[in-house]
Amino acid sequence: TLKQWKELDGSITIAANEAKDNVRYLYTLDKFFGPLANAS
């Protein structure tokens, strides 16, 4: 049963890394969100 477990463990690690990385990159856009929403 550990073969499937190891594959899933890897998939979860990849998904967690993707989410963390995407949040880090999207934070660079955060400073634009306020002006974009509140500007004329």
PDB file of all heavy atoms in Angstrom:
ATOM      1  N   THR A   1       0.823  -1.220   0.000  1.00  0.00           N
ATOM      2  CA  THR A   1       0.000   0.000   0.000  1.00  0.00           C
ATOM      3  C   THR A   1       0.855   1.268   0.000  1.00  0.00           C
ATOM      4  O   THR A   1       0.358   2.342  -0.313  1.00  0.00           O
ATOM      5  CB  THR A   1      -0.937   0.051   1.231  1.00  0.00           C
ATOM      6  OG1 THR A   1      -0.142   0.004   2.411  1.00  0.00           O
ATOM      7  CG2 THR A   1      -1.936  -1.093   1.217  1.00  0.00           C
ATOM      8  N   LEU A   2       2.129   1.125   0.324  1.00  0.00           N
ATOM      9  CA  LEU A   2       2.978   2.311   0.442  1.00  0.00           C
ATOM     10  C   LEU A   2       3.343   2.936  -0.903  1.00  0.00           C
ATOM     11  O   LEU A   2       3.668   4.121  -0.953  1.00  0.00           O
ATOM     12  CB  LEU A   2       4.241   1.977   1.240  1.00  0.00           C
ATOM     13  CG  LEU A   2       3.992   1.670   2.712  1.00  0.00           C
ATOM     14  CD1 LEU A   2       5.292   1.374   3.416  1.00  0.00           C
ATOM     15  CD2 LEU A   2       3.264   2.814   3.387  1.00  0.00           C
ATOM     16  N   LYS A   3       3.258   2.158  -1.977  1.00  0.00           N
ATOM     17  CA  LYS A   3       3.583   2.729  -3.291  1.00  0.00           C
ATOM     18  C   LYS A   3       2.601   3.864  -3.615  1.00  0.00           C
ATOM     19  O   LYS A   3       3.013   4.962  -3.988  1.00  0.00           O
ATOM     20  CB  LYS A   3       3.529   1.649  -4.370  1.00  0.00           C
ATOM     21  CG  LYS A   3       3.917   2.166  -5.734  1.00  0.00           C
ATOM     22  CD  LYS A   3       3.888   1.087  -6.786  1.00  0.00           C
ATOM     23  CE  LYS A   3       4.381   1.679  -8.089  1.00  0.00           C
ATOM     24  NZ  LYS A   3       3.691   1.166  -9.237  1.00  0.00           N
ATOM     25  N   GLN A   4       1.313   3.599  -3.445  1.00  0.00           N
ATOM     26  CA  GLN A   4       0.295   4.627  -3.684  1.00  0.00           C
ATOM     27  C   GLN A   4       0.468   5.785  -2.706  1.00  0.00           C
ATOM     28  O   GLN A   4       0.309   6.953  -3.074  1.00  0.00           O
ATOM     29  CB  GLN A   4      -1.108   4.048  -3.499  1.00  0.00           C
ATOM     30  CG  GLN A   4      -1.510   3.044  -4.542  1.00  0.00           C
ATOM     31  CD  GLN A   4      -2.883   2.462  -4.229  1.00  0.00           C
ATOM     32  OE1 GLN A   4      -3.682   3.073  -3.536  1.00  0.00           O
ATOM     33  NE2 GLN A   4      -3.141   1.273  -4.738  1.00  0.00           N
ATOM     34  N   TRP A   5       0.785   5.457  -1.469  1.00  0.00           N
ATOM     35  CA  TRP A   5       0.957   6.479  -0.444  1.00  0.00           C
ATOM     36  C   TRP A   5       2.078   7.446  -0.814  1.00  0.00           C
ATOM     37  O   TRP A   5       1.933   8.658  -0.696  1.00  0.00           O
ATOM     38  CB  TRP A   5       1.227   5.822   0.910  1.00  0.00           C
ATOM     39  CG  TRP A   5       1.484   6.819   1.990  1.00  0.00           C
ATOM     40  CD1 TRP A   5       2.688   7.200   2.497  1.00  0.00           C
ATOM     41  CD2 TRP A   5       0.502   7.603   2.662  1.00  0.00           C
ATOM     42  NE1 TRP A   5       2.514   8.151   3.464  1.00  0.00           N
ATOM     43  CE2 TRP A   5       1.172   8.429   3.588  1.00  0.00           C
ATOM     44  CE3 TRP A   5      -0.884   7.690   2.586  1.00  0.00           C
ATOM     45  CZ2 TRP A   5       0.520   9.318   4.402  1.00  0.00           C
ATOM     46  CZ3 TRP A   5      -1.542   8.576   3.420  1.00  0.00           C
ATOM     47  CH2 TRP A   5      -0.843   9.388   4.310  1.00  0.00           C
ATOM     48  N   LYS A   6       3.204   6.892  -1.266  1.00  0.00           N
ATOM     49  CA  LYS A   6       4.343   7.739  -1.632  1.00  0.00           C
ATOM     50  C   LYS A   6       4.000   8.651  -2.812  1.00  0.00           C
ATOM     51  O   LYS A   6       4.403   9.806  -2.853  1.00  0.00           O
ATOM     52  CB  LYS A   6       5.563   6.881  -1.942  1.00  0.00           C
ATOM     53  CG  LYS A   6       6.204   6.300  -0.708  1.00  0.00           C
ATOM     54  CD  LYS A   6       7.403   5.437  -1.023  1.00  0.00           C
ATOM     55  CE  LYS A   6       7.952   4.819   0.254  1.00  0.00           C
ATOM     56  NZ  LYS A   6       9.018   3.866   0.008  1.00  0.00           N
ATOM     57  N   GLU A   7       3.253   8.117  -3.786  1.00  0.00           N
ATOM     58  CA  GLU A   7       2.838   8.933  -4.934  1.00  0.00           C
ATOM     59  C   GLU A   7       1.957  10.095  -4.475  1.00  0.00           C
ATOM     60  O   GLU A   7       2.137  11.234  -4.907  1.00  0.00           O
ATOM     61  CB  GLU A   7       2.085   8.077  -5.947  1.00  0.00           C
ATOM     62  CG  GLU A   7       2.967   7.106  -6.704  1.00  0.00           C
ATOM     63  CD  GLU A   7       2.172   6.124  -7.558  1.00  0.00           C
ATOM     64  OE1 GLU A   7       0.936   6.299  -7.703  1.00  0.00           O
ATOM     65  OE2 GLU A   7       2.783   5.183  -8.087  1.00  0.00           O
ATOM     66  N   LEU A   8       1.006   9.790  -3.597  1.00  0.00           N
ATOM     67  CA  LEU A   8       0.120  10.840  -3.091  1.00  0.00           C
ATOM     68  C   LEU A   8       0.873  11.860  -2.248  1.00  0.00           C
ATOM     69  O   LEU A   8       0.607  13.058  -2.334  1.00  0.00           O
ATOM     70  CB  LEU A   8      -1.014  10.228  -2.267  1.00  0.00           C
ATOM     71  CG  LEU A   8      -2.133   9.594  -3.067  1.00  0.00           C
ATOM     72  CD1 LEU A   8      -3.152   8.968  -2.131  1.00  0.00           C
ATOM     73  CD2 LEU A   8      -2.808  10.604  -3.964  1.00  0.00           C
ATOM     74  N   ASP A   9       1.797  11.379  -1.445  1.00  0.00           N
ATOM     75  CA  ASP A   9       2.615  12.277  -0.635  1.00  0.00           C
ATOM     76  C   ASP A   9       3.347  13.265  -1.553  1.00  0.00           C
ATOM     77  O   ASP A   9       3.385  14.467  -1.290  1.00  0.00           O
ATOM     78  CB  ASP A   9       3.595  11.470   0.211  1.00  0.00           C
ATOM     79  CG  ASP A   9       4.346  12.299   1.234  1.00  0.00           C
ATOM     80  OD1 ASP A   9       3.976  13.469   1.462  1.00  0.00           O
ATOM     81  OD2 ASP A   9       5.307  11.785   1.823  1.00  0.00           O
ATOM     82  N   GLY A  10       3.894  12.754  -2.635  1.00  0.00           N
ATOM     83  CA  GLY A  10       4.565  13.617  -3.610  1.00  0.00           C
ATOM     84  C   GLY A  10       3.610  14.603  -4.253  1.00  0.00           C
ATOM     85  O   GLY A  10       3.937  15.787  -4.431  1.00  0.00           O
ATOM     86  N   SER A  11       2.417  14.150  -4.607  1.00  0.00           N
ATOM     87  CA  SER A  11       1.420  15.025  -5.234  1.00  0.00           C
ATOM     88  C   SER A  11       0.988  16.143  -4.296  1.00  0.00           C
ATOM     89  O   SER A  11       0.813  17.291  -4.709  1.00  0.00           O
ATOM     90  CB  SER A  11       0.193  14.216  -5.662  1.00  0.00           C
ATOM     91  OG  SER A  11       0.529  13.295  -6.646  1.00  0.00           O
ATOM     92  N   ILE A  12       0.825  15.811  -3.034  1.00  0.00           N
ATOM     93  CA  ILE A  12       0.437  16.823  -2.049  1.00  0.00           C
ATOM     94  C   ILE A  12       1.550  17.840  -1.865  1.00  0.00           C
ATOM     95  O   ILE A  12       1.306  19.043  -1.786  1.00  0.00           O
ATOM     96  CB  ILE A  12       0.070  16.171  -0.706  1.00  0.00           C
ATOM     97  CG1 ILE A  12      -1.217  15.393  -0.858  1.00  0.00           C
ATOM     98  CG2 ILE A  12      -0.065  17.203   0.392  1.00  0.00           C
ATOM     99  CD1 ILE A  12      -1.504  14.476   0.281  1.00  0.00           C
ATOM    100  N   THR A  13       2.766  17.362  -1.810  1.00  0.00           N
ATOM    101  CA  THR A  13       3.911  18.271  -1.663  1.00  0.00           C
ATOM    102  C   THR A  13       3.980  19.223  -2.849  1.00  0.00           C
ATOM    103  O   THR A  13       4.187  20.435  -2.672  1.00  0.00           O
ATOM    104  CB  THR A  13       5.219  17.459  -1.526  1.00  0.00           C
ATOM    105  OG1 THR A  13       5.103  16.609  -0.379  1.00  0.00           O
ATOM    106  CG2 THR A  13       6.417  18.367  -1.365  1.00  0.00           C
ATOM    107  N   ILE A  14       3.767  18.711  -4.053  1.00  0.00           N
ATOM    108  CA  ILE A  14       3.783  19.560  -5.247  1.00  0.00           C
ATOM    109  C   ILE A  14       2.655  20.589  -5.182  1.00  0.00           C
ATOM    110  O   ILE A  14       2.866  21.776  -5.447  1.00  0.00           O
ATOM    111  CB  ILE A  14       3.689  18.703  -6.523  1.00  0.00           C
ATOM    112  CG1 ILE A  14       4.996  17.945  -6.735  1.00  0.00           C
ATOM    113  CG2 ILE A  14       3.358  19.568  -7.741  1.00  0.00           C
ATOM    114  CD1 ILE A  14       4.919  16.855  -7.798  1.00  0.00           C
ATOM    115  N   ALA A  15       1.450  20.147  -4.828  1.00  0.00           N
ATOM    116  CA  ALA A  15       0.305  21.062  -4.737  1.00  0.00           C
ATOM    117  C   ALA A  15       0.537  22.137  -3.676  1.00  0.00           C
ATOM    118  O   ALA A  15       0.204  23.312  -3.891  1.00  0.00           O
ATOM    119  CB  ALA A  15      -0.972  20.280  -4.443  1.00  0.00           C
ATOM    120  N   ALA A  16       1.108  21.762  -2.546  1.00  0.00           N
ATOM    121  CA  ALA A  16       1.396  22.735  -1.482  1.00  0.00           C
ATOM    122  C   ALA A  16       2.455  23.730  -1.942  1.00  0.00           C
ATOM    123  O   ALA A  16       2.330  24.939  -1.701  1.00  0.00           O
ATOM    124  CB  ALA A  16       1.857  22.016  -0.215  1.00  0.00           C
ATOM    125  N   ASN A  17       3.485  23.242  -2.618  1.00  0.00           N
ATOM    126  CA  ASN A  17       4.531  24.132  -3.125  1.00  0.00           C
ATOM    127  C   ASN A  17       3.980  25.082  -4.177  1.00  0.00           C
ATOM    128  O   ASN A  17       4.336  26.263  -4.208  1.00  0.00           O
ATOM    129  CB  ASN A  17       5.694  23.324  -3.702  1.00  0.00           C
ATOM    130  CG  ASN A  17       6.511  22.651  -2.628  1.00  0.00           C
ATOM    131  OD1 ASN A  17       6.483  23.023  -1.465  1.00  0.00           O
ATOM    132  ND2 ASN A  17       7.253  21.623  -3.018  1.00  0.00           N
ATOM    133  N   GLU A  18       3.101  24.570  -5.052  1.00  0.00           N
ATOM    134  CA  GLU A  18       2.492  25.416  -6.072  1.00  0.00           C
ATOM    135  C   GLU A  18       1.680  26.538  -5.423  1.00  0.00           C
ATOM    136  O   GLU A  18       1.821  27.709  -5.789  1.00  0.00           O
ATOM    137  CB  GLU A  18       1.584  24.594  -6.985  1.00  0.00           C
ATOM    138  CG  GLU A  18       0.842  25.450  -7.992  1.00  0.00           C
ATOM    139  CD  GLU A  18      -0.191  24.695  -8.802  1.00  0.00           C
ATOM    140  OE1 GLU A  18      -0.687  23.648  -8.331  1.00  0.00           O
ATOM    141  OE2 GLU A  18      -0.512  25.162  -9.904  1.00  0.00           O
ATOM    142  N   ALA A  19       0.841  26.183  -4.465  1.00  0.00           N
ATOM    143  CA  ALA A  19       0.007  27.187  -3.808  1.00  0.00           C
ATOM    144  C   ALA A  19       0.866  28.229  -3.096  1.00  0.00           C
ATOM    145  O   ALA A  19       0.623  29.434  -3.209  1.00  0.00           O
ATOM    146  CB  ALA A  19      -0.948  26.513  -2.833  1.00  0.00           C
ATOM    147  N   LYS A  20       1.879  27.774  -2.368  1.00  0.00           N
ATOM    148  CA  LYS A  20       2.773  28.692  -1.649  1.00  0.00           C
ATOM    149  C   LYS A  20       3.476  29.635  -2.619  1.00  0.00           C
ATOM    150  O   LYS A  20       3.549  30.846  -2.397  1.00  0.00           O
ATOM    151  CB  LYS A  20       3.796  27.881  -0.857  1.00  0.00           C
ATOM    152  CG  LYS A  20       4.789  28.712  -0.077  1.00  0.00           C
ATOM    153  CD  LYS A  20       5.778  27.812   0.646  1.00  0.00           C
ATOM    154  CE  LYS A  20       6.861  28.621   1.312  1.00  0.00           C
ATOM    155  NZ  LYS A  20       7.875  27.769   1.932  1.00  0.00           N
ATOM    156  N   ASP A  21       3.980  29.076  -3.707  1.00  0.00           N
ATOM    157  CA  ASP A  21       4.684  29.869  -4.707  1.00  0.00           C
ATOM    158  C   ASP A  21       3.742  30.887  -5.363  1.00  0.00           C
ATOM    159  O   ASP A  21       4.104  32.048  -5.554  1.00  0.00           O
ATOM    160  CB  ASP A  21       5.282  28.928  -5.760  1.00  0.00           C
ATOM    161  CG  ASP A  21       6.349  29.599  -6.585  1.00  0.00           C
ATOM    162  OD1 ASP A  21       7.396  29.952  -6.025  1.00  0.00           O
ATOM    163  OD2 ASP A  21       6.127  29.773  -7.813  1.00  0.00           O
ATOM    164  N   ASN A  22       2.533  30.443  -5.696  1.00  0.00           N
ATOM    165  CA  ASN A  22       1.580  31.348  -6.343  1.00  0.00           C
ATOM    166  C   ASN A  22       1.170  32.484  -5.413  1.00  0.00           C
ATOM    167  O   ASN A  22       1.045  33.628  -5.853  1.00  0.00           O
ATOM    168  CB  ASN A  22       0.359  30.573  -6.834  1.00  0.00           C
ATOM    169  CG  ASN A  22       0.680  29.691  -8.021  1.00  0.00           C
ATOM    170  OD1 ASN A  22       1.751  29.786  -8.611  1.00  0.00           O
ATOM    171  ND2 ASN A  22      -0.240  28.818  -8.365  1.00  0.00           N
ATOM    172  N   VAL A  23       0.992  32.191  -4.132  1.00  0.00           N
ATOM    173  CA  VAL A  23       0.675  33.250  -3.170  1.00  0.00           C
ATOM    174  C   VAL A  23       1.828  34.247  -3.107  1.00  0.00           C
ATOM    175  O   VAL A  23       1.615  35.463  -3.121  1.00  0.00           O
ATOM    176  CB  VAL A  23       0.367  32.666  -1.771  1.00  0.00           C
ATOM    177  CG1 VAL A  23       0.367  33.747  -0.698  1.00  0.00           C
ATOM    178  CG2 VAL A  23      -0.961  31.926  -1.786  1.00  0.00           C
ATOM    179  N   ARG A  24       3.028  33.740  -3.078  1.00  0.00           N
ATOM    180  CA  ARG A  24       4.210  34.623  -3.007  1.00  0.00           C
ATOM    181  C   ARG A  24       4.256  35.557  -4.222  1.00  0.00           C
ATOM    182  O   ARG A  24       4.472  36.759  -4.083  1.00  0.00           O
ATOM    183  CB  ARG A  24       5.477  33.770  -2.945  1.00  0.00           C
ATOM    184  CG  ARG A  24       6.757  34.570  -2.770  1.00  0.00           C
ATOM    185  CD  ARG A  24       7.941  33.668  -2.475  1.00  0.00           C
ATOM    186  NE  ARG A  24       8.150  32.624  -3.448  1.00  0.00           N
ATOM    187  CZ  ARG A  24       9.063  32.670  -4.416  1.00  0.00           C
ATOM    188  NH1 ARG A  24       9.877  33.695  -4.496  1.00  0.00           N
ATOM    189  NH2 ARG A  24       9.201  31.685  -5.264  1.00  0.00           N
ATOM    190  N   TYR A  25       4.010  35.017  -5.387  1.00  0.00           N
ATOM    191  CA  TYR A  25       4.041  35.851  -6.594  1.00  0.00           C
ATOM    192  C   TYR A  25       2.852  36.807  -6.653  1.00  0.00           C
ATOM    193  O   TYR A  25       3.001  37.963  -7.059  1.00  0.00           O
ATOM    194  CB  TYR A  25       4.089  34.986  -7.860  1.00  0.00           C
ATOM    195  CG  TYR A  25       5.478  34.503  -8.172  1.00  0.00           C
ATOM    196  CD1 TYR A  25       5.878  33.216  -7.855  1.00  0.00           C
ATOM    197  CD2 TYR A  25       6.406  35.340  -8.776  1.00  0.00           C
ATOM    198  CE1 TYR A  25       7.165  32.775  -8.130  1.00  0.00           C
ATOM    199  CE2 TYR A  25       7.693  34.915  -9.050  1.00  0.00           C
ATOM    200  CZ  TYR A  25       8.067  33.633  -8.728  1.00  0.00           C
ATOM    201  OH  TYR A  25       9.338  33.206  -9.003  1.00  0.00           O
ATOM    202  N   LEU A  26       1.675  36.335  -6.263  1.00  0.00           N
ATOM    203  CA  LEU A  26       0.503  37.212  -6.309  1.00  0.00           C
ATOM    204  C   LEU A  26       0.608  38.357  -5.303  1.00  0.00           C
ATOM    205  O   LEU A  26       0.041  39.427  -5.531  1.00  0.00           O
ATOM    206  CB  LEU A  26      -0.775  36.402  -6.088  1.00  0.00           C
ATOM    207  CG  LEU A  26      -1.179  35.520  -7.267  1.00  0.00           C
ATOM    208  CD1 LEU A  26      -2.317  34.586  -6.878  1.00  0.00           C
ATOM    209  CD2 LEU A  26      -1.547  36.358  -8.477  1.00  0.00           C
ATOM    210  N   TYR A  27       1.331  38.147  -4.204  1.00  0.00           N
ATOM    211  CA  TYR A  27       1.542  39.239  -3.249  1.00  0.00           C
ATOM    212  C   TYR A  27       2.256  40.420  -3.902  1.00  0.00           C
ATOM    213  O   TYR A  27       2.075  41.563  -3.483  1.00  0.00           O
ATOM    214  CB  TYR A  27       2.331  38.772  -2.014  1.00  0.00           C
ATOM    215  CG  TYR A  27       1.449  38.453  -0.845  1.00  0.00           C
ATOM    216  CD1 TYR A  27       1.462  37.184  -0.276  1.00  0.00           C
ATOM    217  CD2 TYR A  27       0.594  39.398  -0.289  1.00  0.00           C
ATOM    218  CE1 TYR A  27       0.647  36.869   0.802  1.00  0.00           C
ATOM    219  CE2 TYR A  27      -0.234  39.096   0.782  1.00  0.00           C
ATOM    220  CZ  TYR A  27      -0.192  37.820   1.317  1.00  0.00           C
ATOM    221  OH  TYR A  27      -1.004  37.523   2.379  1.00  0.00           O
ATOM    222  N   THR A  28       3.036  40.165  -4.936  1.00  0.00           N
ATOM    223  CA  THR A  28       3.700  41.277  -5.626  1.00  0.00           C
ATOM    224  C   THR A  28       2.687  42.152  -6.361  1.00  0.00           C
ATOM    225  O   THR A  28       2.980  43.301  -6.678  1.00  0.00           O
ATOM    226  CB  THR A  28       4.778  40.782  -6.621  1.00  0.00           C
ATOM    227  OG1 THR A  28       4.155  40.026  -7.655  1.00  0.00           O
ATOM    228  CG2 THR A  28       5.839  39.952  -5.924  1.00  0.00           C
ATOM    229  N   LEU A  29       1.503  41.617  -6.622  1.00  0.00           N
ATOM    230  CA  LEU A  29       0.446  42.393  -7.279  1.00  0.00           C
ATOM    231  C   LEU A  29      -0.465  43.093  -6.269  1.00  0.00           C
ATOM    232  O   LEU A  29      -1.234  43.974  -6.641  1.00  0.00           O
ATOM    233  CB  LEU A  29      -0.423  41.478  -8.152  1.00  0.00           C
ATOM    234  CG  LEU A  29       0.250  40.855  -9.362  1.00  0.00           C
ATOM    235  CD1 LEU A  29      -0.694  39.862 -10.019  1.00  0.00           C
ATOM    236  CD2 LEU A  29       0.656  41.934 -10.346  1.00  0.00           C
ATOM    237  N   ASP A  30      -0.389  42.678  -5.016  1.00  0.00           N
ATOM    238  CA  ASP A  30      -1.302  43.169  -3.986  1.00  0.00           C
ATOM    239  C   ASP A  30      -1.318  44.693  -3.900  1.00  0.00           C
ATOM    240  O   ASP A  30      -2.369  45.292  -3.698  1.00  0.00           O
ATOM    241  CB  ASP A  30      -0.929  42.546  -2.642  1.00  0.00           C
ATOM    242  CG  ASP A  30      -2.043  42.624  -1.628  1.00  0.00           C
ATOM    243  OD1 ASP A  30      -3.213  42.453  -2.031  1.00  0.00           O
ATOM    244  OD2 ASP A  30      -1.746  42.850  -0.442  1.00  0.00           O
ATOM    245  N   LYS A  31      -0.179  45.320  -4.086  1.00  0.00           N
ATOM    246  CA  LYS A  31      -0.105  46.779  -3.978  1.00  0.00           C
ATOM    247  C   LYS A  31      -0.909  47.480  -5.074  1.00  0.00           C
ATOM    248  O   LYS A  31      -1.241  48.649  -4.952  1.00  0.00           O
ATOM    249  CB  LYS A  31       1.351  47.236  -4.008  1.00  0.00           C
ATOM    250  CG  LYS A  31       2.071  46.942  -5.304  1.00  0.00           C
ATOM    251  CD  LYS A  31       3.544  47.344  -5.249  1.00  0.00           C
ATOM    252  CE  LYS A  31       4.268  46.822  -6.469  1.00  0.00           C
ATOM    253  NZ  LYS A  31       5.559  46.282  -6.146  1.00  0.00           N
ATOM    254  N   PHE A  32      -1.252  46.757  -6.145  1.00  0.00           N
ATOM    255  CA  PHE A  32      -2.034  47.348  -7.230  1.00  0.00           C
ATOM    256  C   PHE A  32      -3.540  47.164  -7.021  1.00  0.00           C
ATOM    257  O   PHE A  32      -4.335  47.882  -7.614  1.00  0.00           O
ATOM    258  CB  PHE A  32      -1.656  46.723  -8.581  1.00  0.00           C
ATOM    259  CG  PHE A  32      -0.230  46.955  -8.957  1.00  0.00           C
ATOM    260  CD1 PHE A  32       0.693  45.934  -8.869  1.00  0.00           C
ATOM    261  CD2 PHE A  32       0.209  48.200  -9.394  1.00  0.00           C
ATOM    262  CE1 PHE A  32       2.018  46.131  -9.213  1.00  0.00           C
ATOM    263  CE2 PHE A  32       1.529  48.417  -9.735  1.00  0.00           C
ATOM    264  CZ  PHE A  32       2.447  47.383  -9.645  1.00  0.00           C
ATOM    265  N   PHE A  33      -3.918  46.185  -6.214  1.00  0.00           N
ATOM    266  CA  PHE A  33      -5.336  45.851  -6.079  1.00  0.00           C
ATOM    267  C   PHE A  33      -6.142  47.004  -5.478  1.00  0.00           C
ATOM    268  O   PHE A  33      -7.231  47.307  -5.946  1.00  0.00           O
ATOM    269  CB  PHE A  33      -5.536  44.579  -5.257  1.00  0.00           C
ATOM    270  CG  PHE A  33      -4.979  43.331  -5.893  1.00  0.00           C
ATOM    271  CD1 PHE A  33      -4.824  42.177  -5.158  1.00  0.00           C
ATOM    272  CD2 PHE A  33      -4.596  43.300  -7.227  1.00  0.00           C
ATOM    273  CE1 PHE A  33      -4.315  41.012  -5.732  1.00  0.00           C
ATOM    274  CE2 PHE A  33      -4.088  42.153  -7.811  1.00  0.00           C
ATOM    275  CZ  PHE A  33      -3.941  41.006  -7.060  1.00  0.00           C
ATOM    276  N   GLY A  34      -5.613  47.645  -4.436  1.00  0.00           N
ATOM    277  CA  GLY A  34      -6.306  48.778  -3.817  1.00  0.00           C
ATOM    278  C   GLY A  34      -6.492  49.930  -4.783  1.00  0.00           C
ATOM    279  O   GLY A  34      -7.623  50.366  -5.012  1.00  0.00           O
ATOM    280  N   PRO A  35      -5.406  50.437  -5.372  1.00  0.00           N
ATOM    281  CA  PRO A  35      -5.561  51.534  -6.333  1.00  0.00           C
ATOM    282  C   PRO A  35      -6.455  51.158  -7.516  1.00  0.00           C
ATOM    283  O   PRO A  35      -7.212  51.990  -8.016  1.00  0.00           O
ATOM    284  CB  PRO A  35      -4.125  51.796  -6.807  1.00  0.00           C
ATOM    285  CG  PRO A  35      -3.276  51.338  -5.683  1.00  0.00           C
ATOM    286  CD  PRO A  35      -4.001  50.176  -5.078  1.00  0.00           C
ATOM    287  N   LEU A  36      -6.399  49.928  -7.943  1.00  0.00           N
ATOM    288  CA  LEU A  36      -7.215  49.490  -9.069  1.00  0.00           C
ATOM    289  C   LEU A  36      -8.701  49.524  -8.693  1.00  0.00           C
ATOM    290  O   LEU A  36      -9.547  49.885  -9.505  1.00  0.00           O
ATOM    291  CB  LEU A  36      -6.807  48.069  -9.475  1.00  0.00           C
ATOM    292  CG  LEU A  36      -7.214  47.586 -10.857  1.00  0.00           C
ATOM    293  CD1 LEU A  36      -6.646  48.489 -11.939  1.00  0.00           C
ATOM    294  CD2 LEU A  36      -6.730  46.155 -11.066  1.00  0.00           C
ATOM    295  N   ALA A  37      -9.009  49.177  -7.457  1.00  0.00           N
ATOM    296  CA  ALA A  37     -10.401  49.141  -7.010  1.00  0.00           C
ATOM    297  C   ALA A  37     -10.923  50.525  -6.629  1.00  0.00           C
ATOM    298  O   ALA A  37     -12.113  50.789  -6.747  1.00  0.00           O
ATOM    299  CB  ALA A  37     -10.532  48.199  -5.818  1.00  0.00           C
ATOM    300  N   ASN A  38     -10.048  51.405  -6.171  1.00  0.00           N
ATOM    301  CA  ASN A  38     -10.501  52.685  -5.625  1.00  0.00           C
ATOM    302  C   ASN A  38     -10.173  53.892  -6.488  1.00  0.00           C
ATOM    303  O   ASN A  38     -10.522  55.012  -6.126  1.00  0.00           O
ATOM    304  CB  ASN A  38      -9.896  52.887  -4.233  1.00  0.00           C
ATOM    305  CG  ASN A  38     -10.294  51.775  -3.288  1.00  0.00           C
ATOM    306  OD1 ASN A  38     -11.445  51.353  -3.282  1.00  0.00           O
ATOM    307  ND2 ASN A  38      -9.356  51.288  -2.509  1.00  0.00           N
ATOM    308  N   ALA A  39      -9.500  53.689  -7.601  1.00  0.00           N
ATOM    309  CA  ALA A  39      -9.093  54.816  -8.443  1.00  0.00           C
ATOM    310  C   ALA A  39     -10.257  55.290  -9.297  1.00  0.00           C
ATOM    311  O   ALA A  39     -11.265  54.605  -9.453  1.00  0.00           O
ATOM    312  CB  ALA A  39      -7.929  54.397  -9.338  1.00  0.00           C
ATOM    313  N   SER A  40     -10.088  56.449  -9.863  1.00  0.00           N
ATOM    314  CA  SER A  40     -11.044  56.905 -10.869  1.00  0.00           C
ATOM    315  C   SER A  40     -10.725  56.141 -12.158  1.00  0.00           C
ATOM    316  O   SER A  40      -9.679  55.488 -12.245  1.00  0.00           O
ATOM    317  CB  SER A  40     -10.881  58.416 -11.082  1.00  0.00           C
ATOM    318  OG  SER A  40      -9.674  58.670 -11.761  1.00  0.00           O
TER     319      SER A  40
END
